[in-house]
Amino acid sequence: MLEYLYDTQLLIEGKELDEDEIRDYFIENFKGDCLLAVGDDELIKIHFHTNEPWKVLEYCSTLGEIYDIVIENMERQSKGLKG
Protein backbone atom coordinates (compact mmCIF):
# COMPACT_ATOMS: atom_id res chain seq x y z
CA MET A 1 0.00 0.00 0.00
CA LEU A 2 1.37 3.37 -1.00
CA GLU A 3 1.40 6.16 1.57
CA TYR A 4 0.68 8.78 -1.12
CA LEU A 5 -1.57 7.59 -3.90
CA TYR A 6 -1.54 10.32 -6.56
CA ASP A 7 1.36 11.38 -8.74
CA THR A 8 0.49 15.01 -9.46
CA GLN A 9 2.30 16.92 -12.21
CA LEU A 10 1.68 20.29 -13.83
CA LEU A 11 3.22 23.44 -15.21
CA ILE A 12 2.66 26.93 -13.81
CA GLU A 13 3.12 29.88 -16.13
CA GLY A 14 3.23 33.27 -14.48
CA LYS A 15 5.34 36.24 -13.52
CA GLU A 16 7.91 36.52 -10.75
CA LEU A 17 7.51 32.86 -9.78
CA ASP A 18 9.95 31.68 -7.12
CA GLU A 19 10.64 27.94 -7.04
CA ASP A 20 12.08 28.15 -3.50
CA GLU A 21 8.96 29.88 -2.16
CA ILE A 22 6.73 27.38 -3.92
CA ARG A 23 8.76 24.43 -2.60
CA ASP A 24 8.63 25.88 0.95
CA TYR A 25 4.85 26.34 0.69
CA PHE A 26 4.42 22.70 -0.34
CA ILE A 27 6.59 21.45 2.53
CA GLU A 28 4.75 23.58 5.10
CA ASN A 29 1.19 23.03 3.86
CA PHE A 30 0.82 19.70 2.05
CA LYS A 31 1.35 16.09 3.03
CA GLY A 32 3.29 14.18 0.41
CA ASP A 33 6.69 13.25 -0.95
CA CYS A 34 8.87 13.25 -4.07
CA LEU A 35 8.50 17.02 -4.47
CA LEU A 36 10.01 18.65 -7.52
CA ALA A 37 9.50 22.38 -8.12
CA VAL A 38 11.90 23.62 -10.77
CA GLY A 39 11.99 26.32 -13.38
CA ASP A 40 12.44 30.06 -13.62
CA ASP A 41 10.45 33.18 -12.80
CA GLU A 42 7.97 32.54 -15.65
CA LEU A 43 7.55 28.74 -15.74
CA ILE A 44 7.65 26.16 -12.94
CA LYS A 45 7.30 22.38 -13.26
CA ILE A 46 5.64 20.67 -10.30
CA HIS A 47 5.86 16.97 -9.49
CA PHE A 48 4.43 15.76 -6.16
CA HIS A 49 3.01 12.58 -4.64
CA THR A 50 -0.01 13.29 -2.42
CA ASN A 51 -3.43 12.04 -1.38
CA GLU A 52 -4.97 15.47 -1.98
CA PRO A 53 -4.10 16.58 -5.51
CA TRP A 54 -6.98 19.07 -5.58
CA LYS A 55 -5.18 21.15 -2.92
CA VAL A 56 -2.08 21.29 -5.13
CA LEU A 57 -4.16 22.45 -8.10
CA GLU A 58 -5.97 25.05 -6.02
CA TYR A 59 -2.72 26.55 -4.68
CA CYS A 60 -0.88 26.47 -7.99
CA SER A 61 -3.77 28.17 -9.77
CA THR A 62 -3.26 31.18 -7.47
CA LEU A 63 0.28 31.58 -8.83
CA GLY A 64 -0.50 31.73 -12.54
CA GLU A 65 -1.97 29.72 -15.36
CA ILE A 66 -1.74 25.96 -14.81
CA TYR A 67 -1.65 23.45 -17.65
CA ASP A 68 -0.29 20.05 -18.72
CA ILE A 69 -1.98 18.69 -15.60
CA VAL A 70 -1.49 14.97 -14.98
CA ILE A 71 -2.86 13.15 -11.93
CA GLU A 72 -2.22 9.43 -11.89
CA ASN A 73 -3.23 6.81 -9.37
CA MET A 74 0.05 5.02 -8.68
CA GLU A 75 -1.64 2.06 -6.97
CA ARG A 76 -3.59 1.30 -10.15
CA GLN A 77 -0.40 1.68 -12.18
CA SER A 78 1.42 -0.80 -9.92
CA LYS A 79 -1.32 -3.34 -10.75
CA GLY A 80 -0.81 -2.79 -14.46
CA LEU A 81 -4.02 -0.78 -14.83
CA LYS A 82 -4.44 2.62 -16.41
CA GLY A 83 -3.49 5.28 -13.84
C-alpha atoms as a PDB file:
ATOM      1  CA  MET A   1       0.000   0.000   0.000  1.00  0.00           C
ATOM      2  CA  LEU A   2       1.371   3.374  -0.997  1.00  0.00           C
ATOM      3  CA  GLU A   3       1.404   6.164   1.571  1.00  0.00           C
ATOM      4  CA  TYR A   4       0.684   8.780  -1.121  1.00  0.00           C
ATOM      5  CA  LEU A   5      -1.575   7.593  -3.905  1.00  0.00           C
ATOM      6  CA  TYR A   6      -1.542  10.325  -6.556  1.00  0.00           C
ATOM      7  CA  ASP A   7       1.358  11.377  -8.739  1.00  0.00           C
ATOM      8  CA  THR A   8       0.495  15.012  -9.460  1.00  0.00           C
ATOM      9  CA  GLN A   9       2.299  16.924 -12.213  1.00  0.00           C
ATOM     10  CA  LEU A  10       1.682  20.291 -13.826  1.00  0.00           C
ATOM     11  CA  LEU A  11       3.217  23.444 -15.212  1.00  0.00           C
ATOM     12  CA  ILE A  12       2.658  26.927 -13.806  1.00  0.00           C
ATOM     13  CA  GLU A  13       3.120  29.877 -16.135  1.00  0.00           C
ATOM     14  CA  GLY A  14       3.233  33.270 -14.484  1.00  0.00           C
ATOM     15  CA  LYS A  15       5.342  36.245 -13.518  1.00  0.00           C
ATOM     16  CA  GLU A  16       7.906  36.525 -10.754  1.00  0.00           C
ATOM     17  CA  LEU A  17       7.514  32.860  -9.784  1.00  0.00           C
ATOM     18  CA  ASP A  18       9.947  31.677  -7.123  1.00  0.00           C
ATOM     19  CA  GLU A  19      10.644  27.944  -7.044  1.00  0.00           C
ATOM     20  CA  ASP A  20      12.083  28.150  -3.503  1.00  0.00           C
ATOM     21  CA  GLU A  21       8.960  29.876  -2.155  1.00  0.00           C
ATOM     22  CA  ILE A  22       6.727  27.376  -3.925  1.00  0.00           C
ATOM     23  CA  ARG A  23       8.765  24.433  -2.600  1.00  0.00           C
ATOM     24  CA  ASP A  24       8.626  25.876   0.947  1.00  0.00           C
ATOM     25  CA  TYR A  25       4.848  26.339   0.691  1.00  0.00           C
ATOM     26  CA  PHE A  26       4.422  22.702  -0.337  1.00  0.00           C
ATOM     27  CA  ILE A  27       6.587  21.452   2.526  1.00  0.00           C
ATOM     28  CA  GLU A  28       4.746  23.579   5.095  1.00  0.00           C
ATOM     29  CA  ASN A  29       1.186  23.032   3.864  1.00  0.00           C
ATOM     30  CA  PHE A  30       0.824  19.705   2.053  1.00  0.00           C
ATOM     31  CA  LYS A  31       1.353  16.093   3.031  1.00  0.00           C
ATOM     32  CA  GLY A  32       3.291  14.177   0.407  1.00  0.00           C
ATOM     33  CA  ASP A  33       6.695  13.252  -0.951  1.00  0.00           C
ATOM     34  CA  CYS A  34       8.871  13.253  -4.065  1.00  0.00           C
ATOM     35  CA  LEU A  35       8.502  17.017  -4.472  1.00  0.00           C
ATOM     36  CA  LEU A  36      10.011  18.650  -7.522  1.00  0.00           C
ATOM     37  CA  ALA A  37       9.496  22.382  -8.119  1.00  0.00           C
ATOM     38  CA  VAL A  38      11.900  23.617 -10.768  1.00  0.00           C
ATOM     39  CA  GLY A  39      11.990  26.319 -13.382  1.00  0.00           C
ATOM     40  CA  ASP A  40      12.435  30.057 -13.617  1.00  0.00           C
ATOM     41  CA  ASP A  41      10.454  33.185 -12.805  1.00  0.00           C
ATOM     42  CA  GLU A  42       7.968  32.536 -15.648  1.00  0.00           C
ATOM     43  CA  LEU A  43       7.548  28.736 -15.743  1.00  0.00           C
ATOM     44  CA  ILE A  44       7.646  26.158 -12.936  1.00  0.00           C
ATOM     45  CA  LYS A  45       7.303  22.383 -13.262  1.00  0.00           C
ATOM     46  CA  ILE A  46       5.644  20.666 -10.295  1.00  0.00           C
ATOM     47  CA  HIS A  47       5.862  16.969  -9.492  1.00  0.00           C
ATOM     48  CA  PHE A  48       4.434  15.759  -6.160  1.00  0.00           C
ATOM     49  CA  HIS A  49       3.009  12.581  -4.640  1.00  0.00           C
ATOM     50  CA  THR A  50      -0.014  13.292  -2.417  1.00  0.00           C
ATOM     51  CA  ASN A  51      -3.427  12.040  -1.381  1.00  0.00           C
ATOM     52  CA  GLU A  52      -4.974  15.470  -1.978  1.00  0.00           C
ATOM     53  CA  PRO A  53      -4.097  16.580  -5.511  1.00  0.00           C
ATOM     54  CA  TRP A  54      -6.982  19.071  -5.581  1.00  0.00           C
ATOM     55  CA  LYS A  55      -5.178  21.153  -2.916  1.00  0.00           C
ATOM     56  CA  VAL A  56      -2.082  21.286  -5.128  1.00  0.00           C
ATOM     57  CA  LEU A  57      -4.155  22.449  -8.102  1.00  0.00           C
ATOM     58  CA  GLU A  58      -5.966  25.050  -6.021  1.00  0.00           C
ATOM     59  CA  TYR A  59      -2.723  26.550  -4.676  1.00  0.00           C
ATOM     60  CA  CYS A  60      -0.877  26.473  -7.993  1.00  0.00           C
ATOM     61  CA  SER A  61      -3.767  28.173  -9.771  1.00  0.00           C
ATOM     62  CA  THR A  62      -3.264  31.185  -7.474  1.00  0.00           C
ATOM     63  CA  LEU A  63       0.278  31.584  -8.829  1.00  0.00           C
ATOM     64  CA  GLY A  64      -0.501  31.734 -12.540  1.00  0.00           C
ATOM     65  CA  GLU A  65      -1.974  29.716 -15.362  1.00  0.00           C
ATOM     66  CA  ILE A  66      -1.736  25.963 -14.812  1.00  0.00           C
ATOM     67  CA  TYR A  67      -1.650  23.453 -17.651  1.00  0.00           C
ATOM     68  CA  ASP A  68      -0.287  20.054 -18.720  1.00  0.00           C
ATOM     69  CA  ILE A  69      -1.981  18.687 -15.600  1.00  0.00           C
ATOM     70  CA  VAL A  70      -1.491  14.969 -14.979  1.00  0.00           C
ATOM     71  CA  ILE A  71      -2.855  13.153 -11.934  1.00  0.00           C
ATOM     72  CA  GLU A  72      -2.215   9.426 -11.891  1.00  0.00           C
ATOM     73  CA  ASN A  73      -3.235   6.806  -9.374  1.00  0.00           C
ATOM     74  CA  MET A  74       0.055   5.024  -8.676  1.00  0.00           C
ATOM     75  CA  GLU A  75      -1.636   2.056  -6.969  1.00  0.00           C
ATOM     76  CA  ARG A  76      -3.588   1.299 -10.147  1.00  0.00           C
ATOM     77  CA  GLN A  77      -0.401   1.682 -12.183  1.00  0.00           C
ATOM     78  CA  SER A  78       1.416  -0.802  -9.917  1.00  0.00           C
ATOM     79  CA  LYS A  79      -1.324  -3.340 -10.747  1.00  0.00           C
ATOM     80  CA  GLY A  80      -0.814  -2.791 -14.464  1.00  0.00           C
ATOM     81  CA  LEU A  81      -4.018  -0.780 -14.826  1.00  0.00           C
ATOM     82  CA  LYS A  82      -4.443   2.615 -16.410  1.00  0.00           C
ATOM     83  CA  GLY A  83      -3.492   5.278 -13.839  1.00  0.00           C
END
